[in-house]
Amino acid sequence: MASGSAGFSPAAEQLRGLYDALADLYGPQPWWPADSAFEVMVGAVLTQNTAWSNVEKAIGRLKAAELLSLPALLAADHDTLAETIRPSGYFNIKAKRLRSLCEFLAQQGGLQALAMRDLGEQRQALLSVNGIGPETADDILLYALDQPVFVIDTYTRRLLQRWGLARGSETYEQLRSAFERALAPDVHLFQQYHALIVMHAKEVCRKVPQCASCALVARCWTGRQAGPQIASQPAG
């Protein structure tokens, strides 16, 4: 297991090994699915505390209502916006958060103006927006602004802990910064790595792990603890 009481400092070889194993298993991942950087930003808010399938429904309704643009969202009243994004859940809260994000973008001079700022300024500015926490901010930075930041979500925490690379008590910033220190800043790598983790979490590394169905069980600390009868089973 990872050493230290709360720290997280895996070797680059360990993180690369996990990435290579996932990449060999699943191949390239087309993620984040969106038609524009602005759609990524909207999706990053809508995906809070819900499944992506619900986000897709909400995005589809925004497009059908011709609301998926900065001017349109700024002009929409709260009730209309909330009803349109209802499939995403917590729709009243998310409508307010989308409004805050759009007002922030307008104050910045638009997405292009925000993209011209350096990474540190972008992240600090995004975190100042009501309802934008570290994970949402980093989703936007990585997938909308093509910045080399690593997104830490529930799936990432779960996989790191099960592979014995983390204890589970680390903060968001400890995990994110350690990933970025261990691996060279590479937008494509970070995008693919995060997408592969999401894929693996949905396929087998679920809340209740499906170790018997996992092709990587023999390399996983939790899988090995499940017993030799599972770890030695052929992948299929």
C-alpha atoms as a PDB file:
ATOM      1  CA  MET A   1       0.000   0.000   0.000  1.00  0.00           C
ATOM      2  CA  ALA A   2       0.982   3.657  -0.356  1.00  0.00           C
ATOM      3  CA  SER A   3       3.320   4.917   2.330  1.00  0.00           C
ATOM      4  CA  GLY A   4       2.815   7.964   4.530  1.00  0.00           C
ATOM      5  CA  SER A   5      -0.121   8.988   6.689  1.00  0.00           C
ATOM      6  CA  ALA A   6      -1.940  11.250   4.256  1.00  0.00           C
ATOM      7  CA  GLY A   7       0.471  11.998   1.441  1.00  0.00           C
ATOM      8  CA  PHE A   8       0.346  10.701  -2.086  1.00  0.00           C
ATOM      9  CA  SER A   9       3.579  10.399  -4.009  1.00  0.00           C
ATOM     10  CA  PRO A  10       3.483   7.469  -6.434  1.00  0.00           C
ATOM     11  CA  ALA A  11       6.390   6.904  -8.765  1.00  0.00           C
ATOM     12  CA  ALA A  12       5.936   7.870 -12.388  1.00  0.00           C
ATOM     13  CA  GLU A  13       6.452   4.198 -13.285  1.00  0.00           C
ATOM     14  CA  GLN A  14       3.477   3.189 -11.144  1.00  0.00           C
ATOM     15  CA  LEU A  15       1.129   5.712 -12.728  1.00  0.00           C
ATOM     16  CA  ARG A  16       2.437   4.930 -16.211  1.00  0.00           C
ATOM     17  CA  GLY A  17       1.975   1.229 -15.545  1.00  0.00           C
ATOM     18  CA  LEU A  18      -1.644   1.745 -14.576  1.00  0.00           C
ATOM     19  CA  TYR A  19      -2.245   3.942 -17.621  1.00  0.00           C
ATOM     20  CA  ASP A  20      -0.629   1.430 -19.999  1.00  0.00           C
ATOM     21  CA  ALA A  21      -2.695  -1.410 -18.545  1.00  0.00           C
ATOM     22  CA  LEU A  22      -5.932   0.534 -19.031  1.00  0.00           C
ATOM     23  CA  ALA A  23      -4.934   1.727 -22.514  1.00  0.00           C
ATOM     24  CA  ASP A  24      -4.078  -1.815 -23.626  1.00  0.00           C
ATOM     25  CA  LEU A  25      -7.420  -3.036 -22.321  1.00  0.00           C
ATOM     26  CA  TYR A  26      -9.754  -0.337 -23.674  1.00  0.00           C
ATOM     27  CA  GLY A  27      -7.862   1.539 -26.381  1.00  0.00           C
ATOM     28  CA  PRO A  28      -8.257   5.265 -27.215  1.00  0.00           C
ATOM     29  CA  GLN A  29     -11.214   6.999 -25.586  1.00  0.00           C
ATOM     30  CA  PRO A  30     -13.273   9.730 -27.322  1.00  0.00           C
ATOM     31  CA  TRP A  31     -13.803  11.921 -24.279  1.00  0.00           C
ATOM     32  CA  TRP A  32     -15.113  14.605 -23.447  1.00  0.00           C
ATOM     33  CA  PRO A  33     -18.076  14.264 -25.878  1.00  0.00           C
ATOM     34  CA  ALA A  34     -19.052  17.788 -26.950  1.00  0.00           C
ATOM     35  CA  ASP A  35     -19.352  19.933 -30.071  1.00  0.00           C
ATOM     36  CA  SER A  36     -17.625  22.987 -28.585  1.00  0.00           C
ATOM     37  CA  ALA A  37     -15.540  24.203 -25.664  1.00  0.00           C
ATOM     38  CA  PHE A  38     -18.563  26.083 -24.352  1.00  0.00           C
ATOM     39  CA  GLU A  39     -20.596  22.870 -24.379  1.00  0.00           C
ATOM     40  CA  VAL A  40     -17.840  21.240 -22.314  1.00  0.00           C
ATOM     41  CA  MET A  41     -18.144  24.006 -19.732  1.00  0.00           C
ATOM     42  CA  VAL A  42     -21.925  23.615 -19.541  1.00  0.00           C
ATOM     43  CA  GLY A  43     -21.574  19.845 -19.281  1.00  0.00           C
ATOM     44  CA  ALA A  44     -19.025  20.187 -16.475  1.00  0.00           C
ATOM     45  CA  VAL A  45     -21.667  21.930 -14.368  1.00  0.00           C
ATOM     46  CA  LEU A  46     -24.505  19.619 -15.371  1.00  0.00           C
ATOM     47  CA  THR A  47     -22.534  16.456 -14.573  1.00  0.00           C
ATOM     48  CA  GLN A  48     -22.222  17.358 -10.896  1.00  0.00           C
ATOM     49  CA  ASN A  49     -23.848  14.568  -8.846  1.00  0.00           C
ATOM     50  CA  THR A  50     -25.455  12.792 -11.774  1.00  0.00           C
ATOM     51  CA  ALA A  51     -24.803  10.200 -14.465  1.00  0.00           C
ATOM     52  CA  TRP A  52     -23.541  11.316 -17.857  1.00  0.00           C
ATOM     53  CA  SER A  53     -26.627   9.878 -19.557  1.00  0.00           C
ATOM     54  CA  ASN A  54     -28.693  12.507 -17.717  1.00  0.00           C
ATOM     55  CA  VAL A  55     -26.305  15.238 -18.842  1.00  0.00           C
ATOM     56  CA  GLU A  56     -26.728  14.156 -22.456  1.00  0.00           C
ATOM     57  CA  LYS A  57     -30.508  14.506 -22.131  1.00  0.00           C
ATOM     58  CA  ALA A  58     -30.163  17.986 -20.644  1.00  0.00           C
ATOM     59  CA  ILE A  59     -27.671  19.067 -23.322  1.00  0.00           C
ATOM     60  CA  GLY A  60     -30.039  17.789 -25.999  1.00  0.00           C
ATOM     61  CA  ARG A  61     -32.884  19.841 -24.539  1.00  0.00           C
ATOM     62  CA  LEU A  62     -30.668  22.958 -24.424  1.00  0.00           C
ATOM     63  CA  LYS A  63     -29.790  22.492 -28.093  1.00  0.00           C
ATOM     64  CA  ALA A  64     -33.411  21.908 -29.073  1.00  0.00           C
ATOM     65  CA  ALA A  65     -34.404  25.104 -27.267  1.00  0.00           C
ATOM     66  CA  GLU A  66     -31.500  26.989 -28.877  1.00  0.00           C
ATOM     67  CA  LEU A  67     -30.094  27.831 -25.457  1.00  0.00           C
ATOM     68  CA  LEU A  68     -26.625  26.334 -25.792  1.00  0.00           C
ATOM     69  CA  SER A  69     -24.700  29.577 -26.261  1.00  0.00           C
ATOM     70  CA  LEU A  70     -23.411  32.251 -23.923  1.00  0.00           C
ATOM     71  CA  PRO A  71     -25.830  34.985 -25.106  1.00  0.00           C
ATOM     72  CA  ALA A  72     -28.825  32.633 -25.031  1.00  0.00           C
ATOM     73  CA  LEU A  73     -28.110  31.369 -21.527  1.00  0.00           C
ATOM     74  CA  LEU A  74     -27.561  34.882 -20.243  1.00  0.00           C
ATOM     75  CA  ALA A  75     -30.889  35.944 -21.718  1.00  0.00           C
ATOM     76  CA  ALA A  76     -32.859  32.950 -20.413  1.00  0.00           C
ATOM     77  CA  ASP A  77     -34.927  33.365 -17.260  1.00  0.00           C
ATOM     78  CA  HIS A  78     -34.299  31.032 -14.346  1.00  0.00           C
ATOM     79  CA  ASP A  79     -37.490  28.989 -14.659  1.00  0.00           C
ATOM     80  CA  THR A  80     -36.990  28.316 -18.368  1.00  0.00           C
ATOM     81  CA  LEU A  81     -33.394  27.255 -17.880  1.00  0.00           C
ATOM     82  CA  ALA A  82     -34.155  25.098 -14.847  1.00  0.00           C
ATOM     83  CA  GLU A  83     -36.968  23.277 -16.659  1.00  0.00           C
ATOM     84  CA  THR A  84     -34.787  22.719 -19.731  1.00  0.00           C
ATOM     85  CA  ILE A  85     -31.993  21.084 -17.740  1.00  0.00           C
ATOM     86  CA  ARG A  86     -34.367  19.130 -15.483  1.00  0.00           C
ATOM     87  CA  PRO A  87     -32.993  15.691 -16.581  1.00  0.00           C
ATOM     88  CA  SER A  88     -29.617  16.534 -15.032  1.00  0.00           C
ATOM     89  CA  GLY A  89     -31.084  16.643 -11.521  1.00  0.00           C
ATOM     90  CA  TYR A  90     -30.739  19.441  -8.929  1.00  0.00           C
ATOM     91  CA  PHE A  91     -31.912  21.611 -11.816  1.00  0.00           C
ATOM     92  CA  ASN A  92     -32.679  24.744  -9.799  1.00  0.00           C
ATOM     93  CA  ILE A  93     -29.215  24.734  -8.236  1.00  0.00           C
ATOM     94  CA  LYS A  94     -27.529  23.957 -11.555  1.00  0.00           C
ATOM     95  CA  ALA A  95     -29.477  26.708 -13.330  1.00  0.00           C
ATOM     96  CA  LYS A  96     -28.051  29.194 -10.820  1.00  0.00           C
ATOM     97  CA  ARG A  97     -24.561  27.776 -11.269  1.00  0.00           C
ATOM     98  CA  LEU A  98     -24.807  27.968 -15.049  1.00  0.00           C
ATOM     99  CA  ARG A  99     -25.939  31.574 -14.749  1.00  0.00           C
ATOM    100  CA  SER A 100     -22.962  32.345 -12.490  1.00  0.00           C
ATOM    101  CA  LEU A 101     -20.577  30.666 -14.944  1.00  0.00           C
ATOM    102  CA  CYS A 102     -22.018  32.555 -17.908  1.00  0.00           C
ATOM    103  CA  GLU A 103     -21.858  35.876 -16.075  1.00  0.00           C
ATOM    104  CA  PHE A 104     -18.241  35.098 -15.202  1.00  0.00           C
ATOM    105  CA  LEU A 105     -17.422  34.334 -18.853  1.00  0.00           C
ATOM    106  CA  ALA A 106     -19.062  37.562 -19.976  1.00  0.00           C
ATOM    107  CA  GLN A 107     -17.033  39.516 -17.407  1.00  0.00           C
ATOM    108  CA  GLN A 108     -13.860  37.854 -18.688  1.00  0.00           C
ATOM    109  CA  GLY A 109     -14.652  38.939 -22.232  1.00  0.00           C
ATOM    110  CA  GLY A 110     -15.761  35.492 -23.372  1.00  0.00           C
ATOM    111  CA  LEU A 111     -14.165  32.075 -23.630  1.00  0.00           C
ATOM    112  CA  GLN A 112     -11.436  33.255 -26.014  1.00  0.00           C
ATOM    113  CA  ALA A 113     -10.314  35.918 -23.546  1.00  0.00           C
ATOM    114  CA  LEU A 114     -10.221  33.407 -20.695  1.00  0.00           C
ATOM    115  CA  ALA A 115      -8.168  31.060 -22.858  1.00  0.00           C
ATOM    116  CA  MET A 116      -5.495  33.739 -23.271  1.00  0.00           C
ATOM    117  CA  ARG A 117      -4.730  33.828 -19.534  1.00  0.00           C
ATOM    118  CA  ASP A 118      -2.148  31.543 -17.933  1.00  0.00           C
ATOM    119  CA  LEU A 119      -3.170  28.332 -16.189  1.00  0.00           C
ATOM    120  CA  GLY A 120      -2.790  29.601 -12.635  1.00  0.00           C
ATOM    121  CA  GLU A 121      -4.982  32.631 -13.326  1.00  0.00           C
ATOM    122  CA  GLN A 122      -7.573  30.536 -15.143  1.00  0.00           C
ATOM    123  CA  ARG A 123      -7.890  28.056 -12.284  1.00  0.00           C
ATOM    124  CA  GLN A 124      -8.067  30.721  -9.599  1.00  0.00           C
ATOM    125  CA  ALA A 125     -10.687  32.628 -11.569  1.00  0.00           C
ATOM    126  CA  LEU A 126     -12.844  29.550 -12.167  1.00  0.00           C
ATOM    127  CA  LEU A 127     -12.704  28.582  -8.498  1.00  0.00           C
ATOM    128  CA  SER A 128     -14.073  32.021  -7.619  1.00  0.00           C
ATOM    129  CA  VAL A 129     -17.335  31.255  -9.453  1.00  0.00           C
ATOM    130  CA  ASN A 130     -20.235  30.176  -7.273  1.00  0.00           C
ATOM    131  CA  GLY A 131     -20.772  26.412  -7.609  1.00  0.00           C
ATOM    132  CA  ILE A 132     -17.453  25.712  -9.356  1.00  0.00           C
ATOM    133  CA  GLY A 133     -15.300  23.467  -7.184  1.00  0.00           C
ATOM    134  CA  PRO A 134     -11.905  21.926  -7.970  1.00  0.00           C
ATOM    135  CA  GLU A 135     -13.234  18.969  -9.983  1.00  0.00           C
ATOM    136  CA  THR A 136     -15.534  21.102 -12.152  1.00  0.00           C
ATOM    137  CA  ALA A 137     -12.824  23.724 -12.637  1.00  0.00           C
ATOM    138  CA  ASP A 138     -10.324  21.072 -13.694  1.00  0.00           C
ATOM    139  CA  ASP A 139     -12.839  19.456 -16.062  1.00  0.00           C
ATOM    140  CA  ILE A 140     -13.136  22.845 -17.754  1.00  0.00           C
ATOM    141  CA  LEU A 141      -9.391  23.458 -17.794  1.00  0.00           C
ATOM    142  CA  LEU A 142      -8.503  20.038 -19.186  1.00  0.00           C
ATOM    143  CA  TYR A 143     -11.301  19.510 -21.700  1.00  0.00           C
ATOM    144  CA  ALA A 144     -12.432  23.009 -22.694  1.00  0.00           C
ATOM    145  CA  LEU A 145      -9.181  24.974 -22.400  1.00  0.00           C
ATOM    146  CA  ASP A 146      -6.701  22.151 -23.137  1.00  0.00           C
ATOM    147  CA  GLN A 147      -4.636  22.786 -20.024  1.00  0.00           C
ATOM    148  CA  PRO A 148      -2.489  20.008 -18.495  1.00  0.00           C
ATOM    149  CA  VAL A 149      -4.337  19.494 -15.221  1.00  0.00           C
ATOM    150  CA  PHE A 150      -5.430  16.122 -13.903  1.00  0.00           C
ATOM    151  CA  VAL A 151      -9.057  15.681 -12.864  1.00  0.00           C
ATOM    152  CA  ILE A 152      -9.657  13.831  -9.606  1.00  0.00           C
ATOM    153  CA  ASP A 153     -13.109  12.325  -9.299  1.00  0.00           C
ATOM    154  CA  THR A 154     -14.733   9.508  -7.339  1.00  0.00           C
ATOM    155  CA  TYR A 155     -13.628   6.949  -9.920  1.00  0.00           C
ATOM    156  CA  THR A 156      -9.996   8.070  -9.711  1.00  0.00           C
ATOM    157  CA  ARG A 157      -9.966   7.931  -5.920  1.00  0.00           C
ATOM    158  CA  ARG A 158     -11.519   4.470  -5.993  1.00  0.00           C
ATOM    159  CA  LEU A 159      -9.056   3.040  -8.496  1.00  0.00           C
ATOM    160  CA  LEU A 160      -5.975   4.512  -6.819  1.00  0.00           C
ATOM    161  CA  GLN A 161      -7.057   3.112  -3.484  1.00  0.00           C
ATOM    162  CA  ARG A 162      -7.846  -0.338  -4.868  1.00  0.00           C
ATOM    163  CA  TRP A 163      -4.512  -0.515  -6.654  1.00  0.00           C
ATOM    164  CA  GLY A 164      -2.749   0.321  -3.389  1.00  0.00           C
ATOM    165  CA  LEU A 165      -1.443   3.670  -4.623  1.00  0.00           C
ATOM    166  CA  ALA A 166      -3.481   5.815  -2.218  1.00  0.00           C
ATOM    167  CA  ARG A 167      -5.034   5.376   1.207  1.00  0.00           C
ATOM    168  CA  GLY A 168      -8.253   7.297   0.601  1.00  0.00           C
ATOM    169  CA  SER A 169      -7.570  10.086   3.091  1.00  0.00           C
ATOM    170  CA  GLU A 170      -5.745  12.352   0.636  1.00  0.00           C
ATOM    171  CA  THR A 171      -7.165  15.748  -0.273  1.00  0.00           C
ATOM    172  CA  TYR A 172      -8.149  16.648  -3.805  1.00  0.00           C
ATOM    173  CA  GLU A 173      -5.070  18.858  -4.181  1.00  0.00           C
ATOM    174  CA  GLN A 174      -2.705  16.184  -2.857  1.00  0.00           C
ATOM    175  CA  LEU A 175      -3.911  13.732  -5.483  1.00  0.00           C
ATOM    176  CA  ARG A 176      -3.999  16.225  -8.344  1.00  0.00           C
ATOM    177  CA  SER A 177      -0.603  17.787  -7.689  1.00  0.00           C
ATOM    178  CA  ALA A 178       1.072  14.411  -7.193  1.00  0.00           C
ATOM    179  CA  PHE A 179      -0.275  13.161 -10.517  1.00  0.00           C
ATOM    180  CA  GLU A 180       1.000  16.277 -12.251  1.00  0.00           C
ATOM    181  CA  ARG A 181       4.426  16.051 -10.575  1.00  0.00           C
ATOM    182  CA  ALA A 182       4.876  12.392 -11.450  1.00  0.00           C
ATOM    183  CA  LEU A 183       3.815  12.691 -15.091  1.00  0.00           C
ATOM    184  CA  ALA A 184       5.046  15.194 -17.644  1.00  0.00           C
ATOM    185  CA  PRO A 185       2.427  17.873 -18.461  1.00  0.00           C
ATOM    186  CA  ASP A 186       0.589  16.316 -21.388  1.00  0.00           C
ATOM    187  CA  VAL A 187      -2.973  17.336 -22.189  1.00  0.00           C
ATOM    188  CA  HIS A 188      -3.714  14.305 -24.361  1.00  0.00           C
ATOM    189  CA  LEU A 189      -2.290  11.895 -21.779  1.00  0.00           C
ATOM    190  CA  PHE A 190      -4.305  13.453 -18.963  1.00  0.00           C
ATOM    191  CA  GLN A 191      -7.500  13.420 -21.036  1.00  0.00           C
ATOM    192  CA  GLN A 192      -7.033   9.793 -22.020  1.00  0.00           C
ATOM    193  CA  TYR A 193      -5.985   8.698 -18.539  1.00  0.00           C
ATOM    194  CA  HIS A 194      -9.059  10.223 -16.933  1.00  0.00           C
ATOM    195  CA  ALA A 195     -11.348   8.788 -19.619  1.00  0.00           C
ATOM    196  CA  LEU A 196      -9.823   5.318 -19.197  1.00  0.00           C
ATOM    197  CA  ILE A 197     -10.361   5.449 -15.444  1.00  0.00           C
ATOM    198  CA  VAL A 198     -14.014   6.355 -16.020  1.00  0.00           C
ATOM    199  CA  MET A 199     -14.376   3.485 -18.491  1.00  0.00           C
ATOM    200  CA  HIS A 200     -12.811   0.951 -16.111  1.00  0.00           C
ATOM    201  CA  ALA A 201     -14.967   2.181 -13.231  1.00  0.00           C
ATOM    202  CA  LYS A 202     -18.118   1.720 -15.270  1.00  0.00           C
ATOM    203  CA  GLU A 203     -17.106  -1.677 -16.644  1.00  0.00           C
ATOM    204  CA  VAL A 204     -15.785  -3.543 -13.587  1.00  0.00           C
ATOM    205  CA  CYS A 205     -14.283  -1.293 -10.891  1.00  0.00           C
ATOM    206  CA  ARG A 206     -17.691  -0.298  -9.623  1.00  0.00           C
ATOM    207  CA  LYS A 207     -18.748   0.671  -6.127  1.00  0.00           C
ATOM    208  CA  VAL A 208     -18.905  -3.069  -5.497  1.00  0.00           C
ATOM    209  CA  PRO A 209     -15.873  -4.291  -7.477  1.00  0.00           C
ATOM    210  CA  GLN A 210     -16.423  -6.993 -10.074  1.00  0.00           C
ATOM    211  CA  CYS A 211     -12.989  -8.556  -9.578  1.00  0.00           C
ATOM    212  CA  ALA A 212     -13.920 -11.881 -11.127  1.00  0.00           C
ATOM    213  CA  SER A 213     -14.685 -10.079 -14.417  1.00  0.00           C
ATOM    214  CA  CYS A 214     -11.622  -7.802 -14.373  1.00  0.00           C
ATOM    215  CA  ALA A 215      -8.813  -8.452 -16.838  1.00  0.00           C
ATOM    216  CA  LEU A 216      -6.418  -6.522 -14.581  1.00  0.00           C
ATOM    217  CA  VAL A 217      -7.226  -8.373 -11.366  1.00  0.00           C
ATOM    218  CA  ALA A 218      -3.777  -9.960 -11.024  1.00  0.00           C
ATOM    219  CA  ARG A 219      -2.136  -6.505 -11.083  1.00  0.00           C
ATOM    220  CA  CYS A 220      -4.558  -4.906  -8.625  1.00  0.00           C
ATOM    221  CA  TRP A 221      -3.910  -4.907  -4.873  1.00  0.00           C
ATOM    222  CA  THR A 222      -7.599  -5.301  -4.049  1.00  0.00           C
ATOM    223  CA  GLY A 223      -8.018  -7.993  -6.683  1.00  0.00           C
ATOM    224  CA  ARG A 224      -5.156  -9.992  -5.238  1.00  0.00           C
ATOM    225  CA  GLN A 225      -6.666  -9.729  -1.763  1.00  0.00           C
ATOM    226  CA  ALA A 226      -9.909 -11.136  -3.145  1.00  0.00           C
ATOM    227  CA  GLY A 227      -8.167 -14.485  -3.290  1.00  0.00           C
ATOM    228  CA  PRO A 228      -6.024 -16.549  -5.651  1.00  0.00           C
ATOM    229  CA  GLN A 229      -9.131 -18.272  -7.000  1.00  0.00           C
ATOM    230  CA  ILE A 230     -10.188 -14.916  -8.512  1.00  0.00           C
ATOM    231  CA  ALA A 231      -6.765 -13.451  -9.366  1.00  0.00           C
ATOM    232  CA  SER A 232      -5.776 -16.586 -11.252  1.00  0.00           C
ATOM    233  CA  GLN A 233      -8.915 -16.759 -13.372  1.00  0.00           C
ATOM    234  CA  PRO A 234      -8.347 -15.995 -17.077  1.00  0.00           C
ATOM    235  CA  ALA A 235      -9.692 -12.674 -18.289  1.00  0.00           C
ATOM    236  CA  GLY A 236     -12.814 -12.878 -20.314  1.00  0.00           C
END
